[in-house]
N, C-alpha and C. Protein backbone atom coordinates (compact mmCIF):
# COMPACT_ATOMS: atom_id res chain seq x y z
N MET A 1 5.91 6.98 -52.17
CA MET A 1 5.48 7.22 -50.82
C MET A 1 6.10 6.23 -49.85
N SER A 2 6.24 4.98 -50.26
CA SER A 2 6.81 4.00 -49.36
C SER A 2 8.28 4.30 -49.08
N SER A 3 8.96 4.99 -50.01
CA SER A 3 10.36 5.37 -49.77
C SER A 3 10.44 6.41 -48.66
N ASP A 4 9.47 7.34 -48.61
CA ASP A 4 9.42 8.30 -47.51
C ASP A 4 9.20 7.57 -46.19
N PHE A 5 8.29 6.60 -46.21
CA PHE A 5 8.00 5.84 -45.00
C PHE A 5 9.24 5.10 -44.52
N GLU A 6 9.96 4.49 -45.48
CA GLU A 6 11.17 3.76 -45.11
C GLU A 6 12.25 4.69 -44.57
N GLY A 7 12.33 5.91 -45.10
CA GLY A 7 13.26 6.91 -44.57
C GLY A 7 12.90 7.28 -43.13
N TYR A 8 11.59 7.46 -42.89
CA TYR A 8 11.13 7.74 -41.53
C TYR A 8 11.45 6.57 -40.59
N GLU A 9 11.29 5.35 -41.12
CA GLU A 9 11.59 4.17 -40.31
C GLU A 9 13.06 4.15 -39.89
N GLN A 10 13.94 4.47 -40.82
CA GLN A 10 15.37 4.49 -40.49
C GLN A 10 15.67 5.57 -39.45
N ASP A 11 15.09 6.74 -39.66
CA ASP A 11 15.30 7.83 -38.68
C ASP A 11 14.76 7.42 -37.30
N PHE A 12 13.60 6.77 -37.29
CA PHE A 12 12.99 6.33 -36.04
C PHE A 12 13.88 5.30 -35.35
N ALA A 13 14.43 4.37 -36.12
CA ALA A 13 15.29 3.33 -35.56
C ALA A 13 16.54 3.94 -34.92
N VAL A 14 17.16 4.89 -35.62
CA VAL A 14 18.36 5.54 -35.08
C VAL A 14 18.01 6.33 -33.81
N LEU A 15 16.92 7.06 -33.87
CA LEU A 15 16.51 7.88 -32.75
C LEU A 15 16.16 7.03 -31.52
N THR A 16 15.44 5.94 -31.72
CA THR A 16 15.08 5.08 -30.58
C THR A 16 16.31 4.40 -29.98
N ALA A 17 17.29 4.07 -30.83
CA ALA A 17 18.53 3.48 -30.30
C ALA A 17 19.26 4.49 -29.42
N GLU A 18 19.31 5.75 -29.85
CA GLU A 18 19.95 6.80 -29.04
C GLU A 18 19.20 7.01 -27.73
N ILE A 19 17.88 7.04 -27.82
CA ILE A 19 17.07 7.25 -26.62
C ILE A 19 17.27 6.11 -25.63
N THR A 20 17.27 4.88 -26.12
CA THR A 20 17.46 3.72 -25.25
C THR A 20 18.81 3.78 -24.54
N ASN A 21 19.84 4.15 -25.28
CA ASN A 21 21.18 4.28 -24.70
C ASN A 21 21.21 5.34 -23.60
N LYS A 22 20.59 6.49 -23.87
CA LYS A 22 20.60 7.58 -22.89
C LYS A 22 19.75 7.26 -21.66
N ILE A 23 18.63 6.58 -21.88
CA ILE A 23 17.77 6.20 -20.75
C ILE A 23 18.53 5.27 -19.80
N ALA A 24 19.32 4.37 -20.35
CA ALA A 24 20.07 3.43 -19.53
C ALA A 24 21.15 4.14 -18.72
N ARG A 25 21.66 5.26 -19.23
CA ARG A 25 22.74 5.98 -18.54
C ARG A 25 22.23 6.97 -17.50
N VAL A 26 20.97 7.40 -17.58
CA VAL A 26 20.45 8.46 -16.70
C VAL A 26 20.66 8.17 -15.21
N PRO A 27 20.30 7.01 -14.68
CA PRO A 27 20.43 6.82 -13.22
C PRO A 27 21.86 6.85 -12.70
N ARG A 28 22.86 6.62 -13.56
CA ARG A 28 24.24 6.53 -13.10
C ARG A 28 25.03 7.83 -13.23
N LEU A 29 24.43 8.85 -13.79
CA LEU A 29 25.15 10.10 -14.02
C LEU A 29 25.14 11.00 -12.79
N PRO A 30 26.13 11.90 -12.68
CA PRO A 30 26.11 12.90 -11.61
C PRO A 30 24.91 13.85 -11.81
N PRO A 31 24.46 14.53 -10.76
CA PRO A 31 23.22 15.32 -10.82
C PRO A 31 23.16 16.35 -11.96
N ASP A 32 24.22 17.08 -12.20
CA ASP A 32 24.18 18.10 -13.26
C ASP A 32 24.02 17.47 -14.63
N GLU A 33 24.76 16.41 -14.88
CA GLU A 33 24.66 15.74 -16.17
C GLU A 33 23.30 15.06 -16.33
N LYS A 34 22.73 14.59 -15.21
CA LYS A 34 21.42 13.94 -15.28
C LYS A 34 20.36 14.92 -15.77
N LYS A 35 20.40 16.14 -15.26
CA LYS A 35 19.41 17.14 -15.68
C LYS A 35 19.50 17.38 -17.18
N GLN A 36 20.71 17.51 -17.66
CA GLN A 36 20.91 17.73 -19.10
C GLN A 36 20.44 16.53 -19.91
N MET A 37 20.78 15.34 -19.40
CA MET A 37 20.41 14.12 -20.12
C MET A 37 18.89 13.95 -20.15
N VAL A 38 18.22 14.24 -19.04
CA VAL A 38 16.76 14.12 -18.99
C VAL A 38 16.13 15.08 -19.99
N ALA A 39 16.62 16.33 -20.02
CA ALA A 39 16.09 17.31 -20.97
C ALA A 39 16.33 16.85 -22.41
N ASN A 40 17.50 16.31 -22.67
CA ASN A 40 17.85 15.83 -24.01
C ASN A 40 16.94 14.66 -24.42
N VAL A 41 16.72 13.72 -23.51
CA VAL A 41 15.86 12.57 -23.82
C VAL A 41 14.43 13.03 -24.07
N GLU A 42 13.96 14.00 -23.29
CA GLU A 42 12.61 14.52 -23.51
C GLU A 42 12.47 15.11 -24.91
N LYS A 43 13.47 15.85 -25.35
CA LYS A 43 13.44 16.42 -26.71
C LYS A 43 13.43 15.30 -27.76
N GLN A 44 14.26 14.29 -27.54
CA GLN A 44 14.31 13.20 -28.52
C GLN A 44 13.01 12.40 -28.53
N LEU A 45 12.38 12.25 -27.40
CA LEU A 45 11.08 11.56 -27.37
C LEU A 45 10.04 12.36 -28.16
N GLU A 46 10.08 13.67 -28.04
CA GLU A 46 9.17 14.51 -28.83
C GLU A 46 9.45 14.34 -30.32
N GLU A 47 10.73 14.29 -30.71
CA GLU A 47 11.08 14.08 -32.11
C GLU A 47 10.56 12.72 -32.59
N ALA A 48 10.69 11.72 -31.75
CA ALA A 48 10.21 10.38 -32.12
C ALA A 48 8.70 10.38 -32.31
N LYS A 49 7.99 11.11 -31.45
CA LYS A 49 6.53 11.21 -31.60
C LYS A 49 6.17 11.90 -32.92
N GLU A 50 6.91 12.95 -33.25
CA GLU A 50 6.66 13.64 -34.51
C GLU A 50 6.93 12.72 -35.70
N LEU A 51 7.99 11.92 -35.62
CA LEU A 51 8.28 10.96 -36.68
C LEU A 51 7.14 9.95 -36.81
N LEU A 52 6.60 9.50 -35.68
CA LEU A 52 5.47 8.56 -35.73
C LEU A 52 4.26 9.21 -36.40
N GLU A 53 4.03 10.48 -36.10
CA GLU A 53 2.91 11.18 -36.74
C GLU A 53 3.12 11.28 -38.25
N GLN A 54 4.34 11.58 -38.66
CA GLN A 54 4.65 11.66 -40.10
C GLN A 54 4.46 10.29 -40.76
N MET A 55 4.92 9.25 -40.05
CA MET A 55 4.77 7.90 -40.59
C MET A 55 3.29 7.53 -40.71
N ASP A 56 2.50 7.94 -39.72
CA ASP A 56 1.07 7.65 -39.74
C ASP A 56 0.40 8.35 -40.92
N LEU A 57 0.82 9.59 -41.18
CA LEU A 57 0.27 10.31 -42.34
C LEU A 57 0.65 9.61 -43.63
N GLU A 58 1.87 9.13 -43.72
CA GLU A 58 2.32 8.41 -44.91
C GLU A 58 1.50 7.13 -45.11
N VAL A 59 1.21 6.43 -44.01
CA VAL A 59 0.43 5.18 -44.11
C VAL A 59 -0.96 5.48 -44.63
N ARG A 60 -1.54 6.59 -44.22
CA ARG A 60 -2.89 6.94 -44.68
C ARG A 60 -2.94 7.25 -46.18
N GLU A 61 -1.81 7.69 -46.73
CA GLU A 61 -1.76 8.02 -48.15
C GLU A 61 -1.45 6.79 -49.01
N ILE A 62 -1.04 5.71 -48.41
CA ILE A 62 -0.72 4.49 -49.15
C ILE A 62 -2.03 3.82 -49.59
N PRO A 63 -2.07 3.23 -50.78
CA PRO A 63 -3.28 2.56 -51.26
C PRO A 63 -3.71 1.45 -50.29
N PRO A 64 -5.01 1.23 -50.19
CA PRO A 64 -5.55 0.25 -49.22
C PRO A 64 -5.00 -1.16 -49.40
N GLN A 65 -4.58 -1.54 -50.61
CA GLN A 65 -4.10 -2.90 -50.83
C GLN A 65 -2.82 -3.18 -50.03
N SER A 66 -1.94 -2.24 -49.95
CA SER A 66 -0.65 -2.46 -49.25
C SER A 66 -0.60 -1.75 -47.90
N ARG A 67 -1.69 -1.14 -47.49
CA ARG A 67 -1.71 -0.39 -46.23
C ARG A 67 -1.60 -1.31 -45.01
N GLY A 68 -2.09 -2.54 -45.10
CA GLY A 68 -2.10 -3.46 -43.96
C GLY A 68 -0.71 -3.73 -43.41
N MET A 69 0.25 -3.94 -44.29
CA MET A 69 1.61 -4.23 -43.88
C MET A 69 2.20 -3.03 -43.12
N TYR A 70 1.95 -1.84 -43.64
CA TYR A 70 2.49 -0.63 -42.99
C TYR A 70 1.75 -0.34 -41.69
N SER A 71 0.47 -0.67 -41.63
CA SER A 71 -0.29 -0.48 -40.39
C SER A 71 0.26 -1.35 -39.27
N ASN A 72 0.63 -2.58 -39.62
CA ASN A 72 1.23 -3.47 -38.62
C ASN A 72 2.56 -2.92 -38.12
N ARG A 73 3.34 -2.39 -39.02
CA ARG A 73 4.61 -1.78 -38.61
C ARG A 73 4.37 -0.59 -37.68
N MET A 74 3.37 0.20 -38.02
CA MET A 74 3.05 1.38 -37.19
C MET A 74 2.66 0.96 -35.77
N ARG A 75 1.86 -0.11 -35.68
CA ARG A 75 1.47 -0.60 -34.35
C ARG A 75 2.70 -0.99 -33.54
N SER A 76 3.63 -1.69 -34.18
CA SER A 76 4.83 -2.11 -33.44
C SER A 76 5.69 -0.90 -33.06
N TYR A 77 5.74 0.11 -33.93
CA TYR A 77 6.51 1.31 -33.59
C TYR A 77 5.86 2.07 -32.43
N LYS A 78 4.53 2.11 -32.43
CA LYS A 78 3.84 2.78 -31.32
C LYS A 78 4.05 2.04 -30.01
N GLN A 79 4.06 0.70 -30.08
CA GLN A 79 4.33 -0.08 -28.88
C GLN A 79 5.76 0.18 -28.38
N GLU A 80 6.68 0.26 -29.33
CA GLU A 80 8.07 0.55 -28.96
C GLU A 80 8.18 1.93 -28.33
N MET A 81 7.43 2.87 -28.85
CA MET A 81 7.44 4.23 -28.29
C MET A 81 6.87 4.23 -26.87
N GLY A 82 5.81 3.48 -26.67
CA GLY A 82 5.23 3.37 -25.32
C GLY A 82 6.22 2.75 -24.35
N LYS A 83 6.95 1.74 -24.81
CA LYS A 83 7.95 1.11 -23.96
C LYS A 83 9.07 2.09 -23.63
N LEU A 84 9.49 2.87 -24.59
CA LEU A 84 10.53 3.87 -24.34
C LEU A 84 10.06 4.90 -23.30
N GLU A 85 8.83 5.34 -23.42
CA GLU A 85 8.31 6.32 -22.46
C GLU A 85 8.23 5.72 -21.06
N THR A 86 7.83 4.46 -20.96
CA THR A 86 7.76 3.79 -19.66
C THR A 86 9.16 3.65 -19.06
N ASP A 87 10.11 3.24 -19.88
CA ASP A 87 11.49 3.12 -19.40
C ASP A 87 12.04 4.47 -18.94
N PHE A 88 11.70 5.50 -19.68
CA PHE A 88 12.17 6.84 -19.32
C PHE A 88 11.56 7.29 -17.99
N LYS A 89 10.29 7.00 -17.79
CA LYS A 89 9.65 7.34 -16.51
C LYS A 89 10.33 6.61 -15.36
N ARG A 90 10.65 5.35 -15.57
CA ARG A 90 11.33 4.58 -14.52
C ARG A 90 12.71 5.16 -14.22
N SER A 91 13.43 5.53 -15.25
CA SER A 91 14.77 6.09 -15.01
C SER A 91 14.66 7.45 -14.32
N ARG A 92 13.61 8.22 -14.64
CA ARG A 92 13.41 9.50 -13.95
C ARG A 92 13.03 9.29 -12.50
N ILE A 93 12.26 8.25 -12.21
CA ILE A 93 11.91 7.96 -10.83
C ILE A 93 13.17 7.62 -10.04
N ALA A 94 14.03 6.81 -10.61
CA ALA A 94 15.30 6.50 -9.94
C ALA A 94 16.10 7.78 -9.75
N TYR A 95 16.07 8.63 -10.74
CA TYR A 95 16.77 9.91 -10.67
C TYR A 95 16.16 10.78 -9.57
N SER A 96 14.83 10.86 -9.49
CA SER A 96 14.19 11.72 -8.50
C SER A 96 14.39 11.17 -7.09
N ASP A 97 14.49 9.84 -6.93
CA ASP A 97 14.77 9.27 -5.61
C ASP A 97 16.16 9.70 -5.13
N GLU A 98 17.11 9.69 -6.03
CA GLU A 98 18.46 10.10 -5.65
C GLU A 98 18.50 11.59 -5.30
N VAL A 99 17.81 12.42 -6.09
CA VAL A 99 17.77 13.85 -5.81
C VAL A 99 17.09 14.11 -4.48
N ARG A 100 15.99 13.42 -4.22
CA ARG A 100 15.28 13.58 -2.94
C ARG A 100 16.19 13.21 -1.78
N ASN A 101 16.93 12.12 -1.91
CA ASN A 101 17.85 11.71 -0.85
C ASN A 101 18.94 12.74 -0.64
N GLU A 102 19.44 13.34 -1.73
CA GLU A 102 20.46 14.37 -1.60
C GLU A 102 19.91 15.60 -0.89
N LEU A 103 18.69 16.01 -1.27
CA LEU A 103 18.09 17.19 -0.65
C LEU A 103 17.79 16.98 0.82
N LEU A 104 17.33 15.78 1.17
CA LEU A 104 16.98 15.50 2.56
C LEU A 104 18.18 15.09 3.40
N GLY A 105 19.31 14.92 2.76
CA GLY A 105 20.50 14.54 3.49
C GLY A 105 20.55 13.06 3.82
N ASP A 106 19.71 12.29 3.18
CA ASP A 106 19.73 10.85 3.40
C ASP A 106 20.89 10.26 2.62
N ASP A 107 21.51 9.27 3.22
CA ASP A 107 22.55 8.57 2.49
C ASP A 107 22.07 7.17 2.17
N GLY A 108 22.94 6.34 1.73
CA GLY A 108 22.56 4.98 1.36
C GLY A 108 22.10 4.15 2.55
N ASN A 109 22.41 4.61 3.77
CA ASN A 109 22.04 3.85 4.96
C ASN A 109 20.58 4.02 5.33
N SER A 110 19.86 4.94 4.67
CA SER A 110 18.47 5.19 5.05
C SER A 110 17.62 3.94 4.89
N SER A 111 17.86 3.17 3.85
CA SER A 111 17.09 1.95 3.68
C SER A 111 17.45 0.94 4.76
N GLU A 112 18.73 0.91 5.16
CA GLU A 112 19.13 0.02 6.24
C GLU A 112 18.50 0.45 7.56
N ASN A 113 18.49 1.77 7.80
CA ASN A 113 17.87 2.29 9.02
C ASN A 113 16.38 1.98 9.04
N GLN A 114 15.73 2.12 7.90
CA GLN A 114 14.31 1.81 7.82
C GLN A 114 14.08 0.33 8.08
N LEU A 115 14.95 -0.52 7.57
CA LEU A 115 14.82 -1.95 7.77
C LEU A 115 14.99 -2.30 9.25
N ILE A 116 15.96 -1.68 9.91
CA ILE A 116 16.16 -1.91 11.34
C ILE A 116 14.95 -1.44 12.13
N LYS A 117 14.44 -0.27 11.78
CA LYS A 117 13.27 0.28 12.47
C LYS A 117 12.06 -0.64 12.28
N LEU A 118 11.86 -1.13 11.06
CA LEU A 118 10.75 -2.05 10.80
C LEU A 118 10.87 -3.33 11.61
N ARG A 119 12.10 -3.85 11.73
CA ARG A 119 12.30 -5.07 12.51
C ARG A 119 11.98 -4.81 13.99
N GLU A 120 12.41 -3.65 14.52
CA GLU A 120 12.12 -3.32 15.92
C GLU A 120 10.61 -3.19 16.13
N GLU A 121 9.93 -2.52 15.21
CA GLU A 121 8.49 -2.36 15.33
C GLU A 121 7.78 -3.71 15.26
N ARG A 122 8.26 -4.57 14.41
CA ARG A 122 7.66 -5.89 14.29
C ARG A 122 7.84 -6.68 15.58
N ALA A 123 9.05 -6.62 16.16
CA ALA A 123 9.29 -7.32 17.43
C ALA A 123 8.39 -6.77 18.52
N HIS A 124 8.22 -5.46 18.56
CA HIS A 124 7.35 -4.83 19.55
C HIS A 124 5.90 -5.28 19.36
N LEU A 125 5.44 -5.33 18.12
CA LEU A 125 4.09 -5.80 17.83
C LEU A 125 3.89 -7.26 18.24
N LEU A 126 4.90 -8.09 17.98
CA LEU A 126 4.80 -9.49 18.38
C LEU A 126 4.73 -9.63 19.90
N ASP A 127 5.53 -8.84 20.62
CA ASP A 127 5.48 -8.87 22.09
C ASP A 127 4.10 -8.46 22.58
N ASN A 128 3.56 -7.40 22.01
CA ASN A 128 2.23 -6.95 22.42
C ASN A 128 1.16 -7.98 22.10
N THR A 129 1.29 -8.64 20.97
CA THR A 129 0.33 -9.67 20.58
C THR A 129 0.38 -10.84 21.56
N GLU A 130 1.59 -11.26 21.93
CA GLU A 130 1.71 -12.35 22.89
C GLU A 130 1.12 -11.96 24.24
N ARG A 131 1.39 -10.74 24.70
CA ARG A 131 0.84 -10.27 25.96
C ARG A 131 -0.69 -10.25 25.90
N LEU A 132 -1.23 -9.80 24.80
CA LEU A 132 -2.69 -9.76 24.62
C LEU A 132 -3.28 -11.17 24.63
N GLU A 133 -2.60 -12.11 23.99
CA GLU A 133 -3.08 -13.49 23.97
C GLU A 133 -3.06 -14.10 25.37
N ARG A 134 -1.99 -13.83 26.15
CA ARG A 134 -1.93 -14.34 27.52
C ARG A 134 -3.07 -13.77 28.36
N SER A 135 -3.29 -12.46 28.23
CA SER A 135 -4.38 -11.82 28.98
C SER A 135 -5.73 -12.40 28.58
N SER A 136 -5.92 -12.61 27.30
CA SER A 136 -7.18 -13.19 26.82
C SER A 136 -7.39 -14.58 27.38
N ARG A 137 -6.33 -15.39 27.41
CA ARG A 137 -6.46 -16.74 27.96
C ARG A 137 -6.81 -16.69 29.44
N ARG A 138 -6.18 -15.76 30.20
CA ARG A 138 -6.50 -15.63 31.62
C ARG A 138 -7.95 -15.21 31.82
N LEU A 139 -8.41 -14.25 31.01
CA LEU A 139 -9.81 -13.82 31.12
C LEU A 139 -10.77 -14.95 30.79
N GLU A 140 -10.47 -15.70 29.75
CA GLU A 140 -11.34 -16.82 29.38
C GLU A 140 -11.36 -17.87 30.48
N ALA A 141 -10.21 -18.14 31.10
CA ALA A 141 -10.16 -19.12 32.19
C ALA A 141 -10.98 -18.62 33.38
N GLY A 142 -10.85 -17.34 33.72
CA GLY A 142 -11.63 -16.77 34.81
C GLY A 142 -13.11 -16.81 34.52
N TYR A 143 -13.48 -16.51 33.31
CA TYR A 143 -14.89 -16.57 32.92
C TYR A 143 -15.42 -18.00 33.03
N GLN A 144 -14.62 -18.94 32.57
CA GLN A 144 -15.04 -20.34 32.64
C GLN A 144 -15.23 -20.77 34.09
N ILE A 145 -14.33 -20.35 34.98
CA ILE A 145 -14.47 -20.68 36.40
C ILE A 145 -15.73 -20.05 36.96
N ALA A 146 -16.00 -18.79 36.59
CA ALA A 146 -17.20 -18.11 37.08
C ALA A 146 -18.47 -18.80 36.59
N VAL A 147 -18.46 -19.24 35.35
CA VAL A 147 -19.63 -19.93 34.81
C VAL A 147 -19.84 -21.27 35.52
N GLU A 148 -18.76 -21.98 35.77
CA GLU A 148 -18.87 -23.30 36.40
C GLU A 148 -19.26 -23.19 37.87
N THR A 149 -18.75 -22.19 38.58
CA THR A 149 -19.00 -22.09 40.02
C THR A 149 -20.10 -21.11 40.38
N GLY A 150 -20.63 -20.38 39.42
CA GLY A 150 -21.67 -19.39 39.69
C GLY A 150 -22.85 -19.92 40.46
N PRO A 151 -23.49 -20.97 40.04
CA PRO A 151 -24.65 -21.47 40.78
C PRO A 151 -24.27 -22.06 42.14
N LEU A 152 -23.02 -22.47 42.30
CA LEU A 152 -22.60 -23.10 43.55
C LEU A 152 -22.20 -22.09 44.62
N CYS A 153 -22.01 -20.84 44.27
CA CYS A 153 -21.54 -19.85 45.22
C CYS A 153 -22.50 -19.67 46.39
N PHE A 154 -23.79 -19.77 46.18
CA PHE A 154 -24.77 -19.52 47.22
C PHE A 154 -25.16 -20.79 47.96
N VAL A 155 -24.85 -21.95 47.43
CA VAL A 155 -25.32 -23.21 47.99
C VAL A 155 -24.73 -23.52 49.38
N PRO A 156 -23.41 -23.32 49.62
CA PRO A 156 -22.88 -23.75 50.91
C PRO A 156 -23.54 -23.09 52.12
N TRP A 157 -23.92 -21.87 52.06
CA TRP A 157 -24.50 -21.23 53.23
C TRP A 157 -26.02 -21.27 53.24
N MET A 158 -26.62 -21.73 52.16
CA MET A 158 -28.08 -21.87 52.13
C MET A 158 -28.48 -23.28 52.54
N THR A 159 -29.49 -23.35 53.32
CA THR A 159 -30.00 -24.66 53.71
C THR A 159 -31.39 -24.83 53.14
N ASP A 160 -31.93 -25.97 53.33
CA ASP A 160 -33.29 -26.23 52.86
C ASP A 160 -34.31 -25.33 53.54
N SER A 161 -34.04 -24.97 54.78
CA SER A 161 -34.99 -24.15 55.51
C SER A 161 -35.08 -22.74 54.93
N VAL A 162 -33.99 -22.25 54.31
CA VAL A 162 -33.99 -20.91 53.73
C VAL A 162 -34.99 -20.85 52.59
N TRP A 163 -35.03 -21.87 51.79
CA TRP A 163 -35.92 -21.87 50.64
C TRP A 163 -37.37 -22.06 51.03
N THR A 164 -37.60 -22.58 52.18
CA THR A 164 -38.97 -22.82 52.60
C THR A 164 -39.56 -21.68 53.40
N THR A 165 -38.78 -20.81 53.96
CA THR A 165 -39.28 -19.72 54.78
C THR A 165 -39.40 -18.46 53.93
N PRO A 166 -40.61 -17.92 53.78
CA PRO A 166 -40.78 -16.72 52.96
C PRO A 166 -40.03 -15.51 53.52
N VAL A 167 -39.92 -15.39 54.80
CA VAL A 167 -39.25 -14.24 55.40
C VAL A 167 -37.76 -14.26 55.06
N SER A 168 -37.16 -15.42 55.13
CA SER A 168 -35.73 -15.51 54.84
C SER A 168 -35.45 -15.25 53.35
N LEU A 169 -36.37 -15.64 52.49
CA LEU A 169 -36.19 -15.34 51.06
C LEU A 169 -36.23 -13.83 50.83
N PHE A 170 -37.15 -13.16 51.50
CA PHE A 170 -37.23 -11.71 51.39
C PHE A 170 -35.97 -11.06 51.95
N ALA A 171 -35.44 -11.61 53.02
CA ALA A 171 -34.22 -11.09 53.63
C ALA A 171 -33.04 -11.22 52.67
N LEU A 172 -33.01 -12.25 51.85
CA LEU A 172 -31.96 -12.40 50.85
C LEU A 172 -32.17 -11.47 49.65
N TRP A 173 -33.42 -11.27 49.32
CA TRP A 173 -33.74 -10.49 48.13
C TRP A 173 -33.50 -9.00 48.34
N VAL A 174 -33.81 -8.46 49.52
CA VAL A 174 -33.72 -7.03 49.80
C VAL A 174 -32.29 -6.51 49.64
N PRO A 175 -31.25 -7.14 50.23
CA PRO A 175 -29.89 -6.59 50.03
C PRO A 175 -29.44 -6.63 48.57
N VAL A 176 -29.84 -7.66 47.86
CA VAL A 176 -29.46 -7.74 46.44
C VAL A 176 -30.11 -6.60 45.67
N ARG A 177 -31.40 -6.36 45.89
CA ARG A 177 -32.10 -5.29 45.20
C ARG A 177 -31.53 -3.93 45.58
N PHE A 178 -31.22 -3.75 46.85
CA PHE A 178 -30.69 -2.48 47.33
C PHE A 178 -29.33 -2.21 46.67
N THR A 179 -28.50 -3.22 46.54
CA THR A 179 -27.19 -3.08 45.89
C THR A 179 -27.37 -2.73 44.41
N GLN A 180 -28.33 -3.36 43.77
CA GLN A 180 -28.60 -3.04 42.37
C GLN A 180 -29.07 -1.60 42.22
N TRP A 181 -29.92 -1.15 43.17
CA TRP A 181 -30.42 0.22 43.11
C TRP A 181 -29.30 1.22 43.32
N GLU A 182 -28.37 0.94 44.24
CA GLU A 182 -27.22 1.82 44.48
C GLU A 182 -26.33 1.89 43.23
N ALA A 183 -26.10 0.77 42.61
CA ALA A 183 -25.28 0.75 41.39
C ALA A 183 -25.95 1.57 40.29
N LEU A 184 -27.26 1.44 40.16
CA LEU A 184 -27.99 2.20 39.14
C LEU A 184 -27.93 3.69 39.45
N ALA A 185 -28.11 4.06 40.72
CA ALA A 185 -28.06 5.47 41.11
C ALA A 185 -26.66 6.03 40.87
N GLY A 186 -25.64 5.27 41.21
CA GLY A 186 -24.28 5.72 40.97
C GLY A 186 -23.99 5.93 39.50
N HIS A 187 -24.55 5.05 38.69
CA HIS A 187 -24.37 5.18 37.24
C HIS A 187 -25.05 6.46 36.73
N ARG A 188 -26.21 6.77 37.26
CA ARG A 188 -26.93 7.99 36.83
C ARG A 188 -26.18 9.23 37.27
N ILE A 189 -25.59 9.21 38.45
CA ILE A 189 -24.84 10.36 38.94
C ILE A 189 -23.64 10.63 38.05
N GLN A 190 -23.03 9.58 37.55
CA GLN A 190 -21.85 9.73 36.70
C GLN A 190 -22.19 10.19 35.30
N GLY A 191 -23.46 10.31 34.97
CA GLY A 191 -23.83 10.84 33.66
C GLY A 191 -24.46 9.83 32.74
N GLY A 192 -24.55 8.59 33.13
CA GLY A 192 -25.22 7.59 32.30
C GLY A 192 -26.71 7.60 32.56
N GLU A 193 -27.47 6.92 31.75
CA GLU A 193 -28.91 6.85 31.98
C GLU A 193 -29.36 5.47 32.21
């Protein structure tokens, strides 16, 4: 039984070497040859999977005393198979990117154009950010001035006699209240509550 397993191992080694070679060539081939190569690699990957299944069956038939060594080999072969499938997917992605570019009429300059566009957008964003920061600083300065001078705005024209005469206090209060009422009424007319 171990001779069958070793025969499968040799077949697997030859097959994986061929697959690795073809996977490395896929991205560099012309489109027609790439399609054929991809189909060929897919068939060989299926053959390799079948060989792994046969090897797994052989390992199960081996007596438990010597099965551990063959089980370790099987794990490494399965890992190698997973790596081959991952490499094949990567080469197909490179292949599909090239096909997509051909179909869309993109040439090699598309990445350069995208890079230029990204740089322009970044410069535009930086300009807008600087403008926003300047506006924010002006608003903060204006707010600070309003906070500092707010209580002082009414002081120059008010005298001590204004605060002591009830009639003059009412005269100051009525226009302020009337203005607030007009603002509230205008807000209600515009649809607010």
